[in-house]
Amino acid sequence: YVQSEFCESNWMVRALTNKMVGPLASEDVMIAKEILKRKCLIGLMDRMEESIVRFHAYFGFGDAGDLDCAVRNYANGGDLAN
């Protein structure tokens, strides 16, 4: 499959830019990055506390007490941590 014509190269860039056929240019990658930057909110597991603060600010979840509770329970290995 990988060696066939059916395999897509850079499928994420192609999907984001809606350019499913033909060669991709560096401009296409920059457009895809800009789309992700504008449309996605990303959190990192190894920086969970920072991610929770970011989600809290972006979505407007509760007050400072709610934020402290979320950080305690999810970022610092509380009862709800995986």
C-alpha atoms as a PDB file:
ATOM      1  CA  TYR A   1       0.000   0.000   0.000  1.00  0.00           C
ATOM      2  CA  VAL A   2       2.739   2.464   0.960  1.00  0.00           C
ATOM      3  CA  GLN A   3       4.470   1.985  -2.380  1.00  0.00           C
ATOM      4  CA  SER A   4       1.221   2.308  -4.348  1.00  0.00           C
ATOM      5  CA  GLU A   5      -0.447   5.356  -5.841  1.00  0.00           C
ATOM      6  CA  PHE A   6      -3.143   5.095  -3.158  1.00  0.00           C
ATOM      7  CA  CYS A   7      -0.893   6.203  -0.321  1.00  0.00           C
ATOM      8  CA  GLU A   8      -1.101   9.907   0.473  1.00  0.00           C
ATOM      9  CA  SER A   9       1.978  11.870   1.403  1.00  0.00           C
ATOM     10  CA  ASN A  10       1.538  14.410   4.177  1.00  0.00           C
ATOM     11  CA  TRP A  11      -2.132  13.547   4.605  1.00  0.00           C
ATOM     12  CA  MET A  12      -2.629  16.075   7.433  1.00  0.00           C
ATOM     13  CA  VAL A  13      -1.258  18.962   5.358  1.00  0.00           C
ATOM     14  CA  ARG A  14      -3.356  17.821   2.411  1.00  0.00           C
ATOM     15  CA  ALA A  15      -6.522  17.558   4.518  1.00  0.00           C
ATOM     16  CA  LEU A  16      -6.005  20.955   6.154  1.00  0.00           C
ATOM     17  CA  THR A  17      -5.247  22.729   2.885  1.00  0.00           C
ATOM     18  CA  ASN A  18      -7.756  20.709   0.828  1.00  0.00           C
ATOM     19  CA  LYS A  19      -5.004  19.892  -1.648  1.00  0.00           C
ATOM     20  CA  MET A  20      -5.409  16.152  -2.067  1.00  0.00           C
ATOM     21  CA  VAL A  21      -3.520  15.777  -5.350  1.00  0.00           C
ATOM     22  CA  GLY A  22      -0.391  17.257  -6.826  1.00  0.00           C
ATOM     23  CA  PRO A  23       2.835  18.303  -5.181  1.00  0.00           C
ATOM     24  CA  LEU A  24       2.911  20.201  -1.907  1.00  0.00           C
ATOM     25  CA  ALA A  25       4.974  23.326  -1.416  1.00  0.00           C
ATOM     26  CA  SER A  26       6.442  24.799   1.759  1.00  0.00           C
ATOM     27  CA  GLU A  27       3.637  27.380   1.587  1.00  0.00           C
ATOM     28  CA  ASP A  28       1.121  24.534   2.042  1.00  0.00           C
ATOM     29  CA  VAL A  29       2.877  23.489   5.242  1.00  0.00           C
ATOM     30  CA  MET A  30       2.808  27.068   6.518  1.00  0.00           C
ATOM     31  CA  ILE A  31      -0.922  27.310   5.743  1.00  0.00           C
ATOM     32  CA  ALA A  32      -1.575  24.048   7.587  1.00  0.00           C
ATOM     33  CA  LYS A  33       0.391  25.304  10.608  1.00  0.00           C
ATOM     34  CA  GLU A  34      -1.581  28.552  10.629  1.00  0.00           C
ATOM     35  CA  ILE A  35      -4.871  26.640  10.478  1.00  0.00           C
ATOM     36  CA  LEU A  36      -3.827  24.536  13.465  1.00  0.00           C
ATOM     37  CA  LYS A  37      -2.672  27.625  15.331  1.00  0.00           C
ATOM     38  CA  ARG A  38      -6.018  29.373  14.818  1.00  0.00           C
ATOM     39  CA  LYS A  39      -8.370  26.410  15.176  1.00  0.00           C
ATOM     40  CA  CYS A  40      -6.850  24.057  17.766  1.00  0.00           C
ATOM     41  CA  LEU A  41      -6.157  24.335  21.452  1.00  0.00           C
ATOM     42  CA  ILE A  42      -3.387  21.943  22.392  1.00  0.00           C
ATOM     43  CA  GLY A  43      -2.333  20.657  25.789  1.00  0.00           C
ATOM     44  CA  LEU A  44       0.677  18.513  26.601  1.00  0.00           C
ATOM     45  CA  MET A  45       0.643  15.632  29.075  1.00  0.00           C
ATOM     46  CA  ASP A  46       4.139  16.420  30.316  1.00  0.00           C
ATOM     47  CA  ARG A  47       3.052  20.031  30.949  1.00  0.00           C
ATOM     48  CA  MET A  48      -0.408  19.251  32.295  1.00  0.00           C
ATOM     49  CA  GLU A  49      -0.617  22.078  34.822  1.00  0.00           C
ATOM     50  CA  GLU A  50       0.181  24.649  32.145  1.00  0.00           C
ATOM     51  CA  SER A  51      -2.329  22.979  29.818  1.00  0.00           C
ATOM     52  CA  ILE A  52      -5.096  23.091  32.439  1.00  0.00           C
ATOM     53  CA  VAL A  53      -4.450  26.791  33.053  1.00  0.00           C
ATOM     54  CA  ARG A  54      -4.636  27.357  29.290  1.00  0.00           C
ATOM     55  CA  PHE A  55      -7.928  25.435  28.970  1.00  0.00           C
ATOM     56  CA  HIS A  56      -9.352  27.271  31.969  1.00  0.00           C
ATOM     57  CA  ALA A  57      -8.523  30.672  30.473  1.00  0.00           C
ATOM     58  CA  TYR A  58      -9.696  29.781  26.973  1.00  0.00           C
ATOM     59  CA  PHE A  59     -13.018  28.185  27.917  1.00  0.00           C
ATOM     60  CA  GLY A  60     -13.724  30.340  30.976  1.00  0.00           C
ATOM     61  CA  PHE A  61     -14.188  27.373  33.322  1.00  0.00           C
ATOM     62  CA  GLY A  62     -15.332  28.669  36.721  1.00  0.00           C
ATOM     63  CA  ASP A  63     -13.256  30.758  39.077  1.00  0.00           C
ATOM     64  CA  ALA A  64      -9.797  30.548  40.665  1.00  0.00           C
ATOM     65  CA  GLY A  65     -11.043  27.899  43.125  1.00  0.00           C
ATOM     66  CA  ASP A  66     -12.202  25.720  40.259  1.00  0.00           C
ATOM     67  CA  LEU A  67      -8.833  26.134  38.573  1.00  0.00           C
ATOM     68  CA  ASP A  68      -6.990  25.158  41.768  1.00  0.00           C
ATOM     69  CA  CYS A  69      -9.225  22.100  42.111  1.00  0.00           C
ATOM     70  CA  ALA A  70      -8.572  21.048  38.502  1.00  0.00           C
ATOM     71  CA  VAL A  71      -4.823  21.469  38.888  1.00  0.00           C
ATOM     72  CA  ARG A  72      -4.832  19.475  42.144  1.00  0.00           C
ATOM     73  CA  ASN A  73      -6.947  16.659  40.726  1.00  0.00           C
ATOM     74  CA  TYR A  74      -5.572  16.342  37.224  1.00  0.00           C
ATOM     75  CA  ALA A  75      -2.110  17.866  36.977  1.00  0.00           C
ATOM     76  CA  ASN A  76      -0.536  16.839  40.242  1.00  0.00           C
ATOM     77  CA  GLY A  77      -1.464  13.186  40.385  1.00  0.00           C
ATOM     78  CA  GLY A  78      -4.723  13.553  42.311  1.00  0.00           C
ATOM     79  CA  ASP A  79      -7.386  10.883  42.570  1.00  0.00           C
ATOM     80  CA  LEU A  80      -8.576  11.530  39.033  1.00  0.00           C
ATOM     81  CA  ALA A  81      -5.165  11.226  37.331  1.00  0.00           C
ATOM     82  CA  ASN A  82      -4.610   8.371  34.886  1.00  0.00           C
END
